[in-house]
Protein backbone atom coordinates (compact mmCIF):
# COMPACT_ATOMS: atom_id res chain seq x y z
CA MET A 1 45.21 -68.66 2.02
CA ARG A 2 42.65 -66.34 0.48
CA ASN A 3 42.92 -63.04 -1.33
CA ARG A 4 42.45 -60.21 1.11
CA VAL A 5 41.93 -56.51 0.49
CA GLU A 6 44.85 -54.57 1.96
CA LEU A 7 45.23 -50.81 2.24
CA LEU A 8 48.33 -49.07 0.97
CA LEU A 9 48.83 -45.51 2.10
CA LYS A 10 50.93 -43.40 -0.23
CA THR A 11 51.52 -39.71 -0.70
CA PHE A 12 50.05 -37.39 -3.26
CA LYS A 13 50.41 -33.62 -3.46
CA ILE A 14 47.70 -31.01 -3.13
CA ASN A 15 49.04 -27.48 -3.54
CA GLY A 16 52.51 -28.88 -2.89
CA LEU A 17 51.55 -30.48 0.44
CA ALA A 18 51.74 -34.17 1.22
CA VAL A 19 48.40 -35.95 1.52
CA TRP A 20 47.98 -39.54 2.55
CA SER A 21 45.46 -41.30 0.39
CA VAL A 22 44.32 -44.85 0.06
CA VAL A 23 44.88 -47.24 -2.81
CA VAL A 24 43.18 -50.61 -2.62
CA PHE A 25 44.99 -53.66 -4.01
CA LEU A 26 44.95 -57.42 -3.57
CA VAL A 27 47.70 -59.38 -1.89
CA LEU A 28 47.99 -62.93 -0.68
CA THR A 29 47.95 -63.28 3.06
CA GLY A 30 47.43 -65.97 5.63
CA LEU A 31 45.58 -63.62 7.96
CA SER A 32 42.18 -65.11 7.18
CA ALA A 33 43.43 -68.48 8.37
CA HIS A 34 43.05 -67.05 11.89
CA ALA A 35 39.30 -67.00 11.37
CA ALA A 36 39.26 -70.68 10.48
CA THR A 37 41.02 -71.64 13.72
CA ASP A 38 39.38 -69.02 15.94
CA PRO A 39 35.76 -68.39 14.90
CA PHE A 40 35.30 -66.04 17.86
CA ALA A 41 38.04 -63.61 16.95
CA GLU A 42 35.26 -61.04 16.72
CA ARG A 43 33.76 -59.30 19.73
CA ARG A 44 30.02 -59.38 20.35
CA MET A 45 28.29 -57.23 22.96
CA ALA A 46 24.67 -57.19 24.11
CA LEU A 47 22.58 -55.17 26.53
CA VAL A 48 19.44 -56.98 27.68
CA VAL A 49 16.76 -55.12 29.65
CA GLY A 50 13.49 -56.57 30.91
CA ILE A 51 10.91 -54.56 32.84
CA ALA A 52 8.08 -56.46 34.53
CA GLY A 53 7.28 -54.31 37.57
CA TYR A 54 6.10 -50.73 37.04
CA GLU A 55 5.38 -48.04 39.63
CA ASN A 56 2.78 -46.24 37.50
CA ALA A 57 1.68 -48.79 34.90
CA PRO A 58 0.33 -52.35 34.83
CA ASP A 59 2.94 -55.03 35.50
CA LEU A 60 3.85 -57.45 32.71
CA SER A 61 3.97 -61.21 33.08
CA ASN A 62 6.77 -62.47 30.88
CA THR A 63 9.22 -59.66 30.25
CA THR A 64 11.73 -60.74 32.90
CA ASN A 65 11.51 -64.35 31.71
CA ASP A 66 11.95 -63.18 28.14
CA GLY A 67 15.00 -61.12 29.04
CA LYS A 68 16.63 -64.05 30.82
CA LEU A 69 15.88 -66.37 27.90
CA ILE A 70 17.45 -63.99 25.38
CA SER A 71 20.37 -63.29 27.70
CA ASP A 72 21.10 -67.03 28.01
CA THR A 73 20.80 -67.42 24.26
CA LEU A 74 23.22 -64.60 23.54
CA ASN A 75 25.69 -65.95 26.08
CA GLU A 76 25.66 -69.25 24.18
CA LEU A 77 26.43 -67.26 21.03
CA ASN A 78 29.56 -65.74 22.58
CA PHE A 79 28.13 -62.32 23.36
CA GLU A 80 29.38 -60.35 26.35
CA VAL A 81 25.94 -59.86 27.88
CA SER A 82 24.97 -57.15 30.34
CA GLU A 83 21.51 -58.06 31.68
CA HIS A 84 19.33 -55.84 33.84
CA PHE A 85 15.77 -56.13 35.12
CA ASN A 86 13.21 -53.72 36.54
CA ILE A 87 15.53 -50.73 36.32
CA GLY A 88 14.66 -47.06 36.57
CA LEU A 89 15.43 -44.21 34.20
CA ALA A 90 18.72 -43.08 35.80
CA GLU A 91 20.20 -46.58 35.77
CA PHE A 92 18.96 -47.19 32.22
CA ARG A 93 20.68 -44.02 30.98
CA GLU A 94 23.92 -44.87 32.78
CA LEU A 95 23.90 -48.36 31.28
CA LEU A 96 23.34 -47.00 27.79
CA ASP A 97 26.21 -44.51 28.09
CA ARG A 98 28.58 -47.23 29.27
CA PHE A 99 27.39 -49.69 26.62
CA ALA A 100 27.74 -47.10 23.84
CA PHE A 101 31.39 -46.48 24.72
CA GLU A 102 32.27 -50.17 24.99
CA ALA A 103 30.38 -51.05 21.81
CA GLU A 104 32.65 -48.79 19.74
CA THR A 105 35.22 -51.60 19.67
CA ALA A 106 32.68 -54.41 19.25
CA ASP A 107 32.06 -56.10 15.93
CA VAL A 108 28.42 -56.62 16.91
CA ALA A 109 26.30 -54.51 19.26
CA LEU A 110 22.80 -55.71 20.16
CA VAL A 111 20.18 -54.26 22.49
CA TYR A 112 17.11 -56.27 23.51
CA PHE A 113 14.27 -54.62 25.44
CA ALA A 114 11.17 -56.30 26.84
CA GLY A 115 8.65 -54.05 28.55
CA HIS A 116 6.12 -51.31 27.87
CA GLY A 117 6.74 -49.14 24.83
CA ILE A 118 4.76 -46.15 23.61
CA GLU A 119 4.68 -43.82 20.63
CA VAL A 120 4.36 -40.09 21.21
CA GLY A 121 4.47 -37.58 18.40
CA GLY A 122 5.91 -40.11 15.98
CA ARG A 123 8.77 -41.03 18.34
CA ASN A 124 9.17 -44.29 20.22
CA PHE A 125 9.87 -44.55 23.93
CA LEU A 126 10.83 -47.55 26.07
CA VAL A 127 9.34 -47.23 29.52
CA PRO A 128 11.53 -47.86 32.60
CA SER A 129 10.09 -49.08 35.88
CA ASP A 130 9.80 -45.62 37.46
CA ALA A 131 8.38 -43.61 34.54
CA LYS A 132 5.93 -40.88 35.54
CA ALA A 133 2.36 -41.14 34.31
CA GLY A 134 0.79 -37.70 34.74
CA SER A 135 0.52 -37.28 30.97
CA ARG A 136 1.93 -38.86 27.83
CA GLN A 137 4.39 -35.98 27.68
CA GLN A 138 5.57 -36.88 31.18
CA VAL A 139 5.83 -40.55 30.26
CA ALA A 140 8.00 -39.61 27.30
CA ASP A 141 10.15 -37.26 29.38
CA THR A 142 10.87 -40.03 31.90
CA SER A 143 11.49 -42.82 29.36
CA ILE A 144 14.27 -43.87 27.00
CA SER A 145 13.76 -42.95 23.36
CA LEU A 146 14.51 -45.37 20.54
CA ASP A 147 16.92 -42.70 19.28
CA ASP A 148 18.94 -43.19 22.48
CA ILE A 149 19.10 -46.94 21.82
CA LEU A 150 20.12 -46.48 18.19
CA GLU A 151 22.85 -44.07 19.23
CA ALA A 152 24.17 -46.61 21.73
CA VAL A 153 24.77 -49.27 19.04
CA ASP A 154 25.65 -46.84 16.27
CA LYS A 155 29.44 -47.11 16.32
CA ALA A 156 29.81 -50.89 16.41
CA ARG A 157 32.13 -52.03 13.67
CA GLN A 158 30.03 -54.55 11.74
CA LEU A 159 26.53 -55.26 12.91
CA ARG A 160 24.04 -53.18 14.90
CA ILE A 161 20.77 -54.76 16.03
CA VAL A 162 17.98 -53.41 18.25
CA ILE A 163 15.23 -55.84 19.25
CA LEU A 164 12.05 -54.45 20.80
CA ASP A 165 9.70 -56.91 22.44
CA SER A 166 7.69 -53.93 23.58
CA CYS A 167 4.71 -53.58 21.27
CA ARG A 168 2.22 -54.51 23.96
CA ASN A 169 -0.93 -52.51 24.70
CA ASP A 170 -0.20 -48.87 25.49
CA PRO A 171 -1.04 -48.48 29.20
CA PHE A 172 -0.92 -44.69 28.97
CA ALA A 173 -3.37 -44.28 26.09
CA ASP A 174 -5.97 -42.52 28.23
CA VAL A 175 -3.69 -40.74 30.70
CA GLY A 176 -4.10 -36.96 30.95
CA GLY A 177 -6.59 -34.78 29.22
CA GLN A 178 -4.01 -32.75 27.31
CA GLU A 179 -0.89 -33.69 25.40
CA THR A 180 1.88 -31.32 24.40
CA LEU A 181 3.03 -33.68 21.65
CA THR A 182 0.83 -34.73 18.76
CA VAL A 183 0.07 -38.43 18.80
CA ASN A 184 -0.54 -40.23 15.53
CA GLN A 185 -3.92 -41.85 16.12
CA GLY A 186 -3.95 -43.60 12.76
CA ALA A 187 -2.08 -46.73 11.87
CA TYR A 188 0.34 -46.39 14.78
CA GLY A 189 -2.13 -45.46 17.51
CA ARG A 190 -1.96 -48.66 19.54
CA GLY A 191 1.65 -49.78 19.31
CA LEU A 192 5.01 -48.31 18.39
CA ALA A 193 5.72 -46.16 15.36
CA ALA A 194 7.98 -47.35 12.56
CA PRO A 195 11.56 -46.20 13.23
CA SER A 196 13.93 -44.72 10.68
CA PRO A 197 17.31 -46.19 11.68
CA GLU A 198 20.42 -45.34 9.72
CA ARG A 199 21.51 -47.85 7.10
CA GLY A 200 23.54 -50.64 8.58
CA THR A 201 21.28 -50.97 11.63
CA LEU A 202 18.42 -53.40 11.97
CA VAL A 203 15.47 -52.74 14.29
CA ALA A 204 13.30 -55.77 14.94
CA TYR A 205 9.83 -55.34 16.41
CA ALA A 206 7.87 -58.14 18.06
CA ALA A 207 4.91 -56.93 16.01
CA GLU A 208 4.51 -54.74 12.96
CA ALA A 209 4.54 -51.02 13.72
CA GLY A 210 1.20 -49.97 15.15
CA ALA A 211 0.17 -53.52 16.03
CA VAL A 212 0.21 -55.06 19.51
CA ALA A 213 2.37 -58.03 20.48
CA LEU A 214 1.15 -60.88 22.66
CA ASP A 215 2.63 -61.47 26.11
CA GLY A 216 2.03 -65.19 25.72
CA ALA A 217 0.23 -67.76 27.84
CA GLY A 218 3.41 -69.63 28.82
CA GLU A 219 6.62 -68.55 30.49
CA ASN A 220 7.80 -66.61 27.43
CA SER A 221 6.25 -64.50 24.71
CA PRO A 222 5.90 -66.08 21.25
CA PHE A 223 8.45 -63.62 19.89
CA ALA A 224 11.11 -64.29 22.53
CA SER A 225 10.66 -68.05 22.17
CA ALA A 226 11.05 -67.92 18.39
CA LEU A 227 14.02 -65.56 18.64
CA ALA A 228 15.87 -67.78 21.12
CA GLN A 229 15.36 -70.87 19.01
CA THR A 230 16.19 -69.33 15.66
CA LEU A 231 19.32 -67.35 16.50
CA LYS A 232 21.09 -70.58 17.52
CA ILE A 233 20.50 -72.34 14.20
CA ARG A 234 23.91 -73.19 12.76
CA ASP A 235 25.04 -71.52 9.52
CA LEU A 236 21.84 -69.50 9.18
CA GLU A 237 22.48 -66.05 7.69
CA ILE A 238 21.33 -63.29 10.05
CA GLY A 239 18.88 -61.65 7.64
CA LEU A 240 17.19 -64.97 6.96
CA ALA A 241 17.13 -65.70 10.69
CA PHE A 242 14.81 -62.76 11.34
CA ARG A 243 12.55 -63.86 8.48
CA GLN A 244 12.33 -67.30 10.12
CA VAL A 245 11.49 -65.64 13.46
CA ARG A 246 8.63 -63.86 11.72
CA ASP A 247 7.32 -67.10 10.22
CA SER A 248 7.55 -68.93 13.55
CA VAL A 249 5.60 -66.23 15.40
CA LEU A 250 2.93 -66.13 12.72
CA LYS A 251 2.51 -69.87 13.07
CA ALA A 252 2.50 -69.82 16.89
CA THR A 253 -0.13 -67.06 17.04
CA ALA A 254 -2.33 -68.28 14.18
CA ASN A 255 -1.34 -65.17 12.19
CA ALA A 256 -2.41 -62.84 15.00
CA GLN A 257 1.09 -61.36 15.42
CA GLU A 258 3.65 -60.59 12.73
CA PRO A 259 7.13 -59.42 13.75
CA HIS A 260 8.68 -56.82 11.51
CA THR A 261 12.12 -55.44 10.80
CA TYR A 262 13.10 -51.92 9.75
CA GLY A 263 16.35 -50.46 8.54
CA SER A 264 18.85 -52.64 6.76
CA LEU A 265 22.06 -54.53 7.32
CA SER A 266 25.03 -54.20 4.98
CA GLY A 267 25.33 -56.45 1.94
CA LYS A 268 27.92 -58.61 3.69
CA PRO A 269 26.59 -61.94 5.04
CA TYR A 270 26.81 -62.60 8.76
CA PHE A 271 26.42 -65.78 10.80
CA LEU A 272 25.82 -66.08 14.55
CA ALA A 273 26.38 -69.84 14.84
CA GLY A 274 28.10 -72.72 13.09
CA GLY A 275 31.23 -73.05 10.98
CA SER A 276 30.16 -70.23 8.69
CA GLN A 277 31.05 -67.77 11.47
CA GLU A 278 34.58 -67.79 10.09
CA VAL A 279 33.49 -65.52 7.24
CA ASN A 280 32.55 -62.75 9.70
CA VAL A 281 36.20 -61.76 10.15
CA LEU A 282 37.24 -61.89 6.50
CA ALA A 283 38.08 -58.81 4.48
CA ALA A 284 35.34 -57.12 2.48
CA ALA A 285 35.82 -58.88 -0.89
CA ASP A 286 35.94 -62.33 0.71
CA ARG A 287 32.90 -61.49 2.82
CA LEU A 288 30.83 -60.68 -0.26
CA ASN A 289 32.02 -63.88 -1.95
CA ALA A 290 30.85 -65.79 1.13
CA TRP A 291 27.23 -65.50 -0.01
CA GLY A 292 28.14 -68.49 -2.17
CA ARG A 293 28.45 -70.60 0.99
CA LEU A 294 24.72 -70.51 1.62
CA GLU A 295 22.93 -73.82 1.36
CA VAL A 296 20.45 -74.28 -1.46
CA SER A 297 17.52 -73.96 0.96
CA GLN A 298 18.77 -70.55 2.10
CA GLU A 299 19.31 -69.39 -1.47
CA GLU A 300 15.71 -70.34 -2.15
CA GLN A 301 14.66 -68.21 0.85
CA LEU A 302 16.67 -65.33 -0.61
CA GLN A 303 14.82 -65.77 -3.90
CA VAL A 304 11.48 -65.51 -2.07
CA ALA A 305 12.64 -62.40 -0.20
CA ALA A 306 13.94 -60.86 -3.43
CA ARG A 307 10.57 -61.36 -5.10
CA GLU A 308 9.04 -59.50 -2.16
CA GLY A 309 11.38 -56.59 -2.88
CA ASP A 310 13.99 -57.21 -0.17
CA SER A 311 17.04 -55.24 -1.35
CA ARG A 312 19.50 -57.13 0.83
CA ALA A 313 18.31 -60.44 -0.63
CA LEU A 314 18.74 -59.01 -4.13
CA LYS A 315 22.30 -57.98 -3.28
CA GLY A 316 23.08 -61.40 -1.79
CA LEU A 317 21.86 -63.14 -4.94
CA ALA A 318 23.95 -60.73 -7.02
CA TYR A 319 27.14 -61.31 -5.01
CA MET A 320 26.66 -65.07 -5.38
CA ARG A 321 26.98 -64.56 -9.13
CA LEU A 322 29.96 -62.20 -9.09
CA ASN A 323 32.57 -64.69 -7.88
CA PRO A 324 34.38 -66.15 -10.94
CA SER A 325 35.44 -69.21 -8.93
CA GLU A 326 31.81 -70.19 -8.32
CA ASP A 327 29.75 -72.38 -10.65
CA ARG A 328 26.96 -69.82 -10.28
CA TYR A 329 29.11 -67.05 -11.80
CA ASP A 330 26.75 -65.02 -13.95
CA PRO A 331 27.59 -61.29 -13.96
CA SER A 332 24.71 -60.42 -16.30
CA ARG A 333 22.19 -61.87 -13.88
CA ALA A 334 24.02 -60.23 -11.00
CA ALA A 335 23.65 -56.88 -12.74
CA ALA A 336 19.92 -57.49 -13.12
CA PHE A 337 19.55 -58.14 -9.39
CA LEU A 338 21.54 -55.00 -8.57
CA GLU A 339 19.49 -52.97 -11.06
CA THR A 340 16.29 -53.98 -9.26
CA ALA A 341 17.76 -53.08 -5.87
CA SER A 342 19.08 -49.78 -7.25
CA GLU A 343 15.69 -48.84 -8.62
CA ALA A 344 14.30 -49.49 -5.14
CA GLY A 345 16.72 -46.89 -3.79
CA ASP A 346 19.46 -49.08 -2.30
CA PRO A 347 22.73 -47.05 -2.35
CA GLU A 348 25.03 -50.05 -1.93
CA ALA A 349 23.47 -51.67 -4.99
CA MET A 350 23.91 -48.41 -6.91
CA PHE A 351 27.59 -48.37 -5.95
CA GLU A 352 28.21 -51.99 -6.99
CA LEU A 353 26.30 -51.52 -10.25
CA ALA A 354 28.33 -48.38 -10.97
CA ARG A 355 31.53 -50.39 -10.67
CA MET A 356 30.16 -52.94 -13.14
CA TYR A 357 29.27 -50.24 -15.67
CA GLU A 358 32.69 -48.65 -15.15
CA ARG A 359 34.46 -51.90 -16.00
CA GLY A 360 31.96 -53.45 -18.41
CA ILE A 361 31.32 -56.51 -16.24
CA GLY A 362 27.96 -58.13 -16.92
CA VAL A 363 26.83 -55.00 -18.74
CA GLU A 364 28.07 -52.98 -21.67
CA GLN A 365 30.70 -50.53 -20.44
CA ASP A 366 29.16 -47.10 -19.88
CA VAL A 367 31.22 -44.62 -17.86
CA GLU A 368 28.48 -41.99 -17.93
CA LYS A 369 26.04 -44.46 -16.42
CA ALA A 370 28.69 -45.46 -13.87
CA LEU A 371 29.24 -41.86 -12.83
CA GLU A 372 25.49 -41.26 -12.57
CA LEU A 373 25.15 -44.25 -10.23
CA PHE A 374 28.19 -43.25 -8.17
CA ARG A 375 26.64 -39.83 -7.65
CA LYS A 376 23.21 -41.24 -6.76
CA SER A 377 24.81 -43.57 -4.22
CA ALA A 378 26.81 -40.71 -2.75
CA ASP A 379 23.71 -38.53 -2.57
CA GLU A 380 22.09 -41.29 -0.50
CA GLY A 381 24.98 -41.06 1.96
CA PHE A 382 26.84 -44.26 1.02
CA ALA A 383 30.35 -43.63 2.37
CA ASP A 384 32.24 -45.81 -0.14
CA ALA A 385 30.68 -43.89 -3.02
CA ILE A 386 31.43 -40.52 -1.41
CA ASN A 387 35.05 -41.53 -0.81
CA ASP A 388 35.51 -42.88 -4.34
CA LEU A 389 34.03 -39.72 -5.82
CA GLY A 390 36.56 -37.82 -3.75
CA PHE A 391 39.38 -39.70 -5.46
CA LEU A 392 37.81 -39.13 -8.86
CA TYR A 393 37.75 -35.38 -8.22
CA TYR A 394 41.26 -35.47 -6.81
CA GLN A 395 42.81 -37.53 -9.62
CA GLY A 396 40.35 -36.84 -12.45
CA GLY A 397 38.49 -39.67 -14.14
CA LEU A 398 35.20 -40.87 -15.64
CA GLY A 399 34.91 -37.50 -17.35
CA ILE A 400 35.38 -35.56 -14.09
CA ALA A 401 37.88 -32.72 -14.25
CA ARG A 402 40.43 -32.63 -11.44
CA ASP A 403 39.12 -30.48 -8.59
CA PRO A 404 41.11 -30.79 -5.32
CA LYS A 405 38.74 -28.46 -3.45
CA LYS A 406 35.73 -30.64 -4.30
CA ALA A 407 37.78 -33.74 -3.44
CA ILE A 408 38.52 -32.37 0.03
CA GLU A 409 34.83 -31.62 0.55
CA LEU A 410 33.90 -35.19 -0.37
CA PHE A 411 36.64 -36.71 1.79
CA GLY A 412 35.19 -34.70 4.66
CA LYS A 413 31.69 -36.00 4.01
CA ALA A 414 32.95 -39.60 3.86
CA ALA A 415 34.90 -39.03 7.08
CA ASP A 416 31.75 -37.75 8.78
CA GLN A 417 30.08 -40.99 7.67
CA ARG A 418 32.86 -42.78 9.62
CA HIS A 419 34.56 -44.25 6.57
CA PRO A 420 37.87 -45.39 8.20
CA GLU A 421 40.26 -44.53 5.36
CA ALA A 422 38.45 -41.26 4.72
CA MET A 423 38.78 -40.30 8.38
CA PHE A 424 42.51 -40.98 8.28
CA ASN A 425 43.01 -39.12 5.00
CA TYR A 426 40.89 -36.17 6.07
CA ALA A 427 42.92 -35.93 9.26
CA ALA A 428 46.06 -35.77 7.11
CA LEU A 429 44.54 -33.02 4.98
CA ILE A 430 43.66 -31.02 8.09
CA ASP A 431 47.14 -31.63 9.48
CA ASP A 432 48.60 -30.23 6.24
CA GLY A 433 46.49 -27.11 6.58
CA VAL A 434 44.43 -27.48 3.39
CA VAL A 435 40.99 -27.75 5.05
CA ASP A 436 39.53 -24.36 5.87
CA GLY A 437 38.20 -23.95 9.38
CA LYS A 438 39.79 -27.12 10.78
CA GLU A 439 42.48 -27.26 13.44
CA PRO A 440 44.94 -29.91 14.72
CA ASP A 441 42.38 -30.88 17.37
CA ASP A 442 39.93 -31.75 14.56
CA ALA A 443 42.59 -33.85 12.86
CA ALA A 444 43.20 -35.69 16.12
CA GLU A 445 39.48 -36.34 16.56
CA TYR A 446 39.25 -37.95 13.12
CA LEU A 447 42.34 -40.04 13.87
CA TYR A 448 40.79 -41.18 17.15
CA ARG A 449 37.56 -42.14 15.41
CA ALA A 450 39.46 -44.00 12.68
CA LEU A 451 41.37 -45.88 15.37
CA ARG A 452 38.16 -46.81 17.20
CA SER A 453 36.62 -48.05 13.94
CA GLY A 454 38.93 -51.07 13.99
CA ASN A 455 40.97 -50.38 10.87
CA GLU A 456 44.28 -52.24 11.28
CA GLU A 457 46.15 -50.02 8.85
CA VAL A 458 45.26 -46.91 10.84
CA LEU A 459 46.68 -48.51 14.01
CA SER A 460 49.77 -49.60 12.09
CA GLN A 461 50.45 -46.16 10.61
CA LEU A 462 49.91 -44.33 13.90
CA SER A 463 52.15 -46.82 15.70
CA GLU A 464 54.94 -47.07 13.15
CA ASN A 465 54.86 -43.69 11.39
CA PRO A 466 53.42 -41.15 13.84
CA LYS A 467 55.67 -38.36 12.56
CA MET A 468 53.71 -38.25 9.33
CA PHE A 469 51.57 -35.92 11.46
CA LYS A 470 52.74 -32.66 12.98
CA ALA A 471 53.59 -32.48 16.68
CA THR A 472 50.49 -30.37 17.41
CA THR A 473 48.22 -33.07 16.00
CA ARG A 474 50.10 -35.79 17.86
CA ARG A 475 49.71 -33.90 21.14
CA SER A 476 45.99 -33.43 20.47
CA LEU A 477 45.63 -37.15 19.89
CA GLN A 478 47.44 -37.89 23.15
CA ARG A 479 45.00 -35.56 24.94
CA LYS A 480 42.04 -37.41 23.45
CA LEU A 481 43.50 -40.74 24.55
CA SER A 482 44.01 -39.26 28.02
CA GLU A 483 40.45 -37.92 28.22
CA ARG A 484 39.14 -41.45 27.56
CA SER A 485 41.52 -42.98 30.14
CA PHE A 486 43.60 -44.79 27.53
CA TYR A 487 46.77 -42.81 28.26
CA THR A 488 48.26 -41.39 31.46
CA GLY A 489 51.61 -40.07 30.22
CA THR A 490 52.92 -36.65 29.28
CA ILE A 491 51.27 -34.69 26.48
CA ASP A 492 54.49 -34.20 24.51
CA GLY A 493 53.75 -35.49 20.99
CA GLN A 494 56.24 -38.34 21.43
CA PHE A 495 54.68 -41.70 20.66
CA GLY A 496 56.74 -43.83 23.03
CA PRO A 497 55.71 -47.08 24.78
CA GLN A 498 52.97 -45.44 26.86
CA THR A 499 51.35 -43.79 23.85
CA GLN A 500 51.69 -47.02 21.88
CA ARG A 501 49.81 -48.85 24.64
CA GLY A 502 47.18 -46.13 24.62
CA LEU A 503 46.69 -46.52 20.86
CA ARG A 504 46.25 -50.28 21.22
CA LYS A 505 43.77 -49.86 24.08
CA ALA A 506 41.74 -47.32 22.10
CA TYR A 507 41.76 -49.71 19.15
CA GLY A 508 40.31 -52.39 21.42
CA LEU A 509 43.33 -54.59 22.10
CA SER A 510 43.97 -55.77 25.64
CA GLU A 511 47.47 -55.82 27.05
């Protein structure tokens, strides 16, 4: 058995009203043993789209082959794969809507697209088979934006990946004499523009932004071939896998094509294949400790990436040295890695370094420095930091005077960042009537989102203690379950067997 972070919900009082807040503590549990016996306890979903035949653009040779290759690869890696080829705009949109809803209860959501892609006005568009070609504006209007793709994977619980094998030559570069959108004709004139995905989402391009990928002389493109081979390597950490894909493509193309990734994954390691997959379903603290499982060769690759300024590599090297049970335990060196990542603007590193300064681990204790880092991390939108600051303002601490109003504001911000405990707590605050401008329907919406996020304690509390919330909030939650076809019973605020089943379905459990 391993130590696992559990959540204990207990009541505090704000203006005499009960508020459910979260206290984190360690308990011994055998729950993680489930991961050791069932490495596929997690749910992986993928949408694969390949477009080879175009009505108003040159056909492509390998995109269908590439899509099938990646689809087969992901099936081998226990993804639920939805594969589609030569589809038009309407079908593409319908597929994305369906995938986005289903992916809310997936641990991993991945979208792979092979086909024409263009950049218009600094935005990226993936071109379906029936896109219009009267002007670049018309192409954009009849294509799928990268924003649409990012939104489709956005609510997956652990890992969100978008892979674009679509940096081929822009077939619409000379279409139309006038453009209603400004096109960047500089660095990104020939390929796709660099995206700005939210943190926690990785976008992988077959070629660096603005460059053009090769379709390949064989049955598959160099990028698809490297991707299919690399993702199946056992016990290879996902971040390092994409670096190996880059190296393989560079070698295969004699340095003519360099894949690139944008955005960032969380600091928790993740494995697609091999025995190390068991760490994917561990609780947060054990996940971070799992960086110590990396083989020496992978640690060396992390060192190389860290020297290149890769913040996630810096965090991985730090976490390796923060586990007292490891021979590599060296909190001072861990702090140095986190300091470098913090200076580069990484909010997770700021948060972890703040905790070290707060406790005097690896650094001299400095609560003012800790508070400064907590605030910087929160300002960057890191939900854990926002939520923790909320508790500091609620309870008082680190030199912060108690300020319930500010605490409520911060809990709301963390909830809007989809922090599961913050969503639950903010719903309780709304239910108790202490959040101006919010109604029971808002409380129910936050409860629904917290449930969909996959937090077991939220499901447990709603199932076992539903009357902690007022009847109006419970009825609103039943309506939301009904609107999503999870519940067909009476909207009466009574959480009987039918509502219980609806809660489990919304959480992602099958009957």
